[in-house]
Amino acid sequence: MATVNEIAIPVRRNGRLFRIWETARRYPIFPMAVLVFVLALPGLFAPQITNTWLQDPLEGRVTERLTPPVWQEGGSWDHPLGTDKVGYDIASRVIHGARVSLIVAGVSILTGGFVGTTLGLIAGYYGGWIDHVIMRLVDIKLSIQAVLLALVLVGVLGPGFHTVIIVIALVLWVRYARLVRGETLSLKNQDFVAKARVAGASSGRIIARHIFPNVINTIIVLATLEVGQVILLEAGLSFLGVGIPRPTPAWGLMVADGRDLIVRAWWVAFFPGMAILLTVLSMNLLGDWLRDRLDPKLRNV
C-alpha cells in the first residue's frame, strides 16, 4: 500500500490559472495596484469620495432599503453597489471600511511589532533568565485564543477601536518576538558582533547598531504579511460582535449584516467580502515578493 509521501499529485504548471498566479507572485504591479485602489486611496480619501459622489455611510434611508446594484433591475446610480437592510449605501460603507481597516492594521502592527521586536532582541542577545521569562510570556500568550482575549477585554474596556487594536497587538507581538529572537541568536555569535564587543561597544549599542539593522528586512516582510492577517482578524472580531461597534462602517460588520440576506440580497455581504479577499490576497503576494527580494538565499534562487 502506497504511503502519503509516495502518492504523486499532478500539478498543471502550464495551466492558465497557474501562469496568472506565478506572474502576480513574481511581479508586484498587480498586488500594488489592487492595494492602491481597494485599500490605500479609499482609506485616505474616504470623506472626499463619499461627500462628492455617494451617500454618507452613517445615513440610513429606510425607504431605499435593499436597493440592488445599479446593473440589476431596480438599481440606481445613487447607490451603485446597492443598499443594506437599514438603507445604508454599500459603496460608501465599503470605502469607509477601508479607512477603518487601514487605521487598525497600521496602529496594531506598529505597536505589536515594536513590542515584539524589542523583547525579541533583548531575549536573543542577553539569554539566560531574561530569555526564559520572555519566552514563557510568549508561551502563555500562545495558549490564549484571540477571540477569548477579545471577549475578556470587551467586557473590561468595552467595544471600540482601542479594544480591537489592543487585542490585535497582543496577538502580533509574539510572532515578532519569536522570529527576532531566533535571528538575534544567530547574529550575536558573528564576527562583527565580537569585534564590536572587543572594541568596547555597550550592549545597547551593539543591539541598535549591529544586530537590529540585520533583522530589519525580516521585520518588514513579516509586517507586510501581517497586514492581511490583521484585516482578517479585525473582520472576524467585528463579525462576531466583539470588534468595531455599530454603526461604524467595517467590512466584518457588513458581512455579518448580510449573512442572513445572502439569497435575497447577495450584494450586502458580497462586496465587503470581496474587499477583504482582494486586500488579503494582495498583501500576501506583496509579502511573498518582498521576501524573495530581501532574503539573499531566495534572491539567488
Protein backbone atom coordinates (compact mmCIF):
# COMPACT_ATOMS: atom_id res chain seq x y z
CA MET A 1 0.00 0.00 0.00
CA ALA A 2 1.44 3.36 -1.02
CA THR A 3 2.19 5.87 1.69
CA VAL A 4 1.21 9.52 1.53
CA ASN A 5 4.72 10.54 0.52
CA GLU A 6 4.71 8.05 -2.36
CA ILE A 7 1.50 9.34 -3.89
CA ALA A 8 2.26 11.71 -6.75
CA ILE A 9 -0.18 14.61 -7.06
CA PRO A 10 -0.12 16.03 -10.59
CA VAL A 11 0.12 19.81 -10.84
CA ARG A 12 -0.72 21.56 -14.09
CA ARG A 13 2.10 24.05 -14.16
CA ASN A 14 1.21 25.03 -17.72
CA GLY A 15 -2.38 25.92 -16.92
CA ARG A 16 -3.66 29.45 -17.38
CA LEU A 17 -4.51 29.95 -13.70
CA PHE A 18 -1.03 28.79 -12.67
CA ARG A 19 0.62 31.21 -15.10
CA ILE A 20 -1.53 34.08 -13.82
CA TRP A 21 -0.63 33.21 -10.22
CA GLU A 22 3.09 32.98 -10.96
CA THR A 23 3.01 36.30 -12.81
CA ALA A 24 1.22 38.02 -9.93
CA ARG A 25 3.63 36.49 -7.41
CA ARG A 26 6.80 37.45 -9.29
CA TYR A 27 5.81 41.00 -10.25
CA PRO A 28 4.36 43.34 -7.61
CA ILE A 29 2.43 45.57 -10.02
CA PHE A 30 -0.78 43.53 -9.63
CA PRO A 31 -0.94 43.45 -5.81
CA MET A 32 0.27 47.05 -5.59
CA ALA A 33 -2.47 48.22 -7.98
CA VAL A 34 -5.13 46.34 -6.03
CA LEU A 35 -3.90 47.74 -2.73
CA VAL A 36 -3.83 51.29 -4.06
CA PHE A 37 -7.37 51.19 -5.46
CA VAL A 38 -9.00 48.96 -2.81
CA LEU A 39 -7.25 49.99 0.42
CA ALA A 40 -4.93 53.00 0.17
CA LEU A 41 -6.84 55.56 -1.92
CA PRO A 42 -10.30 54.77 -0.46
CA GLY A 43 -8.86 54.77 3.05
CA LEU A 44 -7.04 58.09 2.67
CA PHE A 45 -9.71 59.98 0.72
CA ALA A 46 -12.90 58.33 2.00
CA PRO A 47 -14.60 61.57 3.21
CA GLN A 48 -13.86 63.41 -0.03
CA ILE A 49 -15.09 60.50 -2.18
CA THR A 50 -18.34 59.96 -0.28
CA ASN A 51 -19.13 63.66 0.15
CA THR A 52 -18.76 64.23 -3.60
CA TRP A 53 -20.44 61.20 -5.19
CA LEU A 54 -22.02 58.97 -2.57
CA GLN A 55 -24.38 58.98 0.39
CA ASP A 56 -23.00 59.44 3.90
CA PRO A 57 -22.05 56.00 5.31
CA LEU A 58 -23.99 56.65 8.54
CA GLU A 59 -27.13 57.93 6.79
CA GLY A 60 -29.77 55.22 6.57
CA ARG A 61 -32.75 55.64 4.24
CA VAL A 62 -35.39 53.08 5.16
CA THR A 63 -37.43 53.86 2.05
CA GLU A 64 -34.47 52.73 -0.11
CA ARG A 65 -33.54 49.61 1.86
CA LEU A 66 -32.20 46.58 -0.06
CA THR A 67 -31.85 48.52 -3.30
CA PRO A 68 -29.95 46.25 -5.77
CA PRO A 69 -26.75 47.29 -7.58
CA VAL A 70 -27.08 49.66 -10.50
CA TRP A 71 -26.84 46.96 -13.19
CA GLN A 72 -29.78 44.99 -11.78
CA GLU A 73 -33.45 45.78 -12.23
CA GLY A 74 -34.48 48.38 -9.67
CA GLY A 75 -30.94 49.66 -9.20
CA SER A 76 -29.96 53.31 -9.15
CA TRP A 77 -26.81 55.34 -9.73
CA ASP A 78 -27.49 56.94 -6.34
CA HIS A 79 -26.42 53.59 -4.86
CA PRO A 80 -24.09 51.93 -7.41
CA LEU A 81 -23.47 48.85 -5.21
CA GLY A 82 -26.92 48.83 -3.62
CA THR A 83 -28.06 49.34 -0.03
CA ASP A 84 -28.44 47.10 3.02
CA LYS A 85 -31.44 46.32 5.21
CA VAL A 86 -31.20 49.69 7.01
CA GLY A 87 -30.75 51.73 3.84
CA TYR A 88 -27.00 52.34 4.22
CA ASP A 89 -25.14 52.79 0.95
CA ILE A 90 -22.89 49.75 0.38
CA ALA A 91 -20.31 51.57 -1.77
CA SER A 92 -19.90 54.35 0.77
CA ARG A 93 -19.51 51.91 3.66
CA VAL A 94 -17.02 49.72 1.76
CA ILE A 95 -14.87 52.81 1.10
CA HIS A 96 -15.01 53.95 4.73
CA GLY A 97 -14.41 50.36 5.83
CA ALA A 98 -11.07 50.52 4.02
CA ARG A 99 -10.21 53.53 6.18
CA VAL A 100 -11.07 51.57 9.33
CA SER A 101 -9.01 48.55 8.22
CA LEU A 102 -6.05 50.76 7.29
CA ILE A 103 -6.01 52.53 10.67
CA VAL A 104 -6.43 49.33 12.69
CA ALA A 105 -3.76 47.48 10.68
CA GLY A 106 -1.26 50.34 10.83
CA VAL A 107 -1.55 51.10 14.54
CA SER A 108 -1.72 47.48 15.72
CA ILE A 109 1.22 46.34 13.56
CA LEU A 110 3.37 49.28 14.68
CA THR A 111 2.50 48.64 18.33
CA GLY A 112 2.81 44.86 18.28
CA GLY A 113 5.90 44.99 16.05
CA PHE A 114 7.69 47.47 18.31
CA VAL A 115 6.98 45.49 21.48
CA GLY A 116 7.75 42.11 19.91
CA THR A 117 10.94 43.28 18.19
CA THR A 118 12.26 44.92 21.37
CA LEU A 119 11.58 41.84 23.50
CA GLY A 120 12.98 39.53 20.83
CA LEU A 121 16.22 41.48 20.61
CA ILE A 122 16.60 41.51 24.40
CA ALA A 123 15.80 37.81 24.78
CA GLY A 124 18.10 36.71 21.96
CA TYR A 125 21.06 38.87 22.94
CA TYR A 126 21.11 38.50 26.72
CA GLY A 127 19.78 34.94 27.01
CA GLY A 128 19.70 33.35 30.47
CA TRP A 129 16.79 34.07 32.79
CA ILE A 130 15.72 37.09 30.71
CA ASP A 131 15.25 34.84 27.70
CA HIS A 132 13.35 32.27 29.78
CA VAL A 133 10.96 34.87 31.23
CA ILE A 134 10.17 36.42 27.83
CA MET A 135 9.71 33.04 26.15
CA ARG A 136 7.39 31.87 28.93
CA LEU A 137 5.30 35.01 28.35
CA VAL A 138 5.20 34.04 24.67
CA ASP A 139 4.04 30.52 25.60
CA ILE A 140 1.32 31.93 27.85
CA LYS A 141 0.06 34.21 25.09
CA LEU A 142 0.05 31.37 22.53
CA SER A 143 -2.20 29.36 24.85
CA ILE A 144 -4.87 32.09 24.80
CA GLN A 145 -7.08 32.38 21.74
CA ALA A 146 -7.62 35.81 20.20
CA VAL A 147 -11.42 35.56 20.41
CA LEU A 148 -11.30 34.67 24.12
CA LEU A 149 -8.92 37.56 24.75
CA ALA A 150 -11.22 39.88 22.81
CA LEU A 151 -14.25 38.79 24.86
CA VAL A 152 -12.41 39.50 28.12
CA LEU A 153 -11.16 42.91 27.01
CA VAL A 154 -14.56 43.89 25.60
CA GLY A 155 -16.08 43.06 28.99
CA VAL A 156 -13.46 45.18 30.76
CA LEU A 157 -12.87 48.08 28.33
CA GLY A 158 -15.99 47.96 26.16
CA PRO A 159 -16.09 47.55 22.37
CA GLY A 160 -14.27 50.08 20.21
CA PHE A 161 -11.18 50.90 18.18
CA HIS A 162 -8.90 50.85 21.18
CA THR A 163 -10.06 47.37 22.23
CA VAL A 164 -9.55 45.92 18.75
CA ILE A 165 -6.08 47.46 18.47
CA ILE A 166 -5.05 46.15 21.91
CA VAL A 167 -6.29 42.63 21.07
CA ILE A 168 -4.51 42.52 17.72
CA ALA A 169 -1.29 43.99 19.15
CA LEU A 170 -1.33 41.34 21.89
CA VAL A 171 -1.72 38.67 19.20
CA LEU A 172 1.04 40.04 16.96
CA TRP A 173 3.89 40.77 19.35
CA VAL A 174 4.64 37.09 20.00
CA ARG A 175 5.30 36.45 16.31
CA TYR A 176 7.81 39.27 16.12
CA ALA A 177 9.41 38.23 19.41
CA ARG A 178 9.97 34.61 18.35
CA LEU A 179 11.24 35.49 14.88
CA VAL A 180 13.56 38.31 16.00
CA ARG A 181 14.88 36.20 18.89
CA GLY A 182 15.86 33.42 16.51
CA GLU A 183 17.62 35.87 14.19
CA THR A 184 19.41 37.51 17.13
CA LEU A 185 20.65 34.18 18.48
CA SER A 186 22.45 33.52 15.20
CA LEU A 187 23.73 37.07 14.74
CA LYS A 188 25.21 37.63 18.21
CA ASN A 189 27.84 34.94 17.55
CA GLN A 190 29.00 36.52 14.30
CA ASP A 191 32.47 38.04 13.96
CA PHE A 192 31.26 41.64 13.52
CA VAL A 193 29.44 41.48 16.87
CA ALA A 194 32.53 40.02 18.57
CA LYS A 195 34.70 42.81 17.12
CA ALA A 196 32.25 45.47 18.34
CA ARG A 197 32.29 43.90 21.81
CA VAL A 198 36.10 43.84 21.87
CA ALA A 199 36.16 47.48 20.74
CA GLY A 200 34.25 48.40 23.90
CA ALA A 201 30.76 48.94 22.46
CA SER A 202 27.96 48.66 25.00
CA SER A 203 25.24 46.03 24.72
CA GLY A 204 22.65 48.64 23.77
CA ARG A 205 24.87 49.99 21.01
CA ILE A 206 25.58 46.51 19.66
CA ILE A 207 21.86 45.73 19.54
CA ALA A 208 20.90 49.05 17.96
CA ARG A 209 23.79 49.50 15.52
CA HIS A 210 24.83 45.97 14.59
CA ILE A 211 22.03 43.44 15.22
CA PHE A 212 18.84 45.41 14.55
CA PRO A 213 19.86 46.56 11.02
CA ASN A 214 20.41 42.90 10.11
CA VAL A 215 16.88 41.86 11.15
CA ILE A 216 15.02 44.84 9.68
CA ASN A 217 14.41 43.06 6.36
CA THR A 218 12.77 40.15 8.18
CA ILE A 219 10.62 42.56 10.18
CA ILE A 220 9.48 44.38 7.02
CA VAL A 221 8.48 41.12 5.32
CA LEU A 222 6.63 39.91 8.42
CA ALA A 223 4.82 43.26 8.78
CA THR A 224 3.73 43.11 5.15
CA LEU A 225 2.38 39.60 5.56
CA GLU A 226 0.69 40.54 8.83
CA VAL A 227 -1.45 43.27 7.22
CA GLY A 228 -3.66 40.67 5.58
CA GLN A 229 -3.87 38.66 8.81
CA VAL A 230 -4.77 41.78 10.80
CA ILE A 231 -7.56 42.67 8.38
CA LEU A 232 -8.91 39.12 8.61
CA LEU A 233 -8.71 39.17 12.40
CA GLU A 234 -10.40 42.57 12.66
CA ALA A 235 -13.12 41.44 10.26
CA GLY A 236 -13.61 38.21 12.22
CA LEU A 237 -13.89 40.02 15.55
CA SER A 238 -16.34 42.53 14.06
CA PHE A 239 -18.31 39.67 12.51
CA LEU A 240 -18.65 38.07 15.95
CA GLY A 241 -19.71 41.37 17.52
CA VAL A 242 -16.60 41.89 19.68
CA GLY A 243 -14.75 44.23 17.31
CA ILE A 244 -15.68 47.55 15.77
CA PRO A 245 -19.07 48.60 17.20
CA ARG A 246 -22.08 49.54 15.08
CA PRO A 247 -22.85 51.73 13.20
CA THR A 248 -19.18 52.30 12.28
CA PRO A 249 -18.61 51.01 8.73
CA ALA A 250 -16.35 47.95 8.97
CA TRP A 251 -16.03 45.13 6.45
CA GLY A 252 -16.59 42.40 9.04
CA LEU A 253 -19.76 44.07 10.32
CA MET A 254 -21.08 44.41 6.77
CA VAL A 255 -20.52 40.72 6.08
CA ALA A 256 -22.27 39.87 9.36
CA ASP A 257 -25.24 42.08 8.42
CA GLY A 258 -25.57 40.34 5.06
CA ARG A 259 -25.22 36.71 6.14
CA ASP A 260 -29.00 36.28 6.55
CA LEU A 261 -29.67 38.02 3.21
CA ILE A 262 -27.25 36.07 1.02
CA VAL A 263 -30.07 34.66 -1.17
CA ARG A 264 -32.40 37.66 -1.21
CA ALA A 265 -29.80 40.47 -1.25
CA TRP A 266 -26.41 38.93 -2.09
CA TRP A 267 -24.70 42.31 -2.57
CA VAL A 268 -24.85 43.22 1.13
CA ALA A 269 -22.20 40.62 2.06
CA PHE A 270 -20.56 40.11 -1.35
CA PHE A 271 -18.84 43.49 -1.86
CA PRO A 272 -17.24 43.82 1.61
CA GLY A 273 -16.25 40.16 1.38
CA MET A 274 -14.56 40.81 -1.98
CA ALA A 275 -12.75 43.82 -0.49
CA ILE A 276 -11.38 41.57 2.28
CA LEU A 277 -10.40 38.86 -0.23
CA LEU A 278 -8.59 41.21 -2.63
CA THR A 279 -6.77 43.06 0.13
CA VAL A 280 -5.55 39.94 1.95
CA LEU A 281 -4.54 38.21 -1.29
CA SER A 282 -2.66 41.28 -2.50
CA MET A 283 -0.80 41.73 0.79
CA ASN A 284 0.23 38.06 0.77
CA LEU A 285 1.50 38.36 -2.79
CA LEU A 286 3.38 41.55 -1.96
CA GLY A 287 4.89 39.99 1.15
CA ASP A 288 5.94 36.92 -0.85
CA TRP A 289 7.62 39.16 -3.43
CA LEU A 290 9.40 41.19 -0.75
CA ARG A 291 10.65 38.01 0.92
CA ASP A 292 12.13 36.83 -2.38
CA ARG A 293 13.87 40.17 -2.90
CA LEU A 294 15.11 40.85 0.64
CA ASP A 295 16.26 37.33 1.54
CA PRO A 296 19.73 36.77 -0.05
CA LYS A 297 19.24 32.99 -0.19
CA LEU A 298 15.91 33.22 -2.02
CA ARG A 299 17.22 36.04 -4.21
CA ASN A 300 19.99 33.81 -5.55
CA VAL A 301 17.49 31.03 -6.24
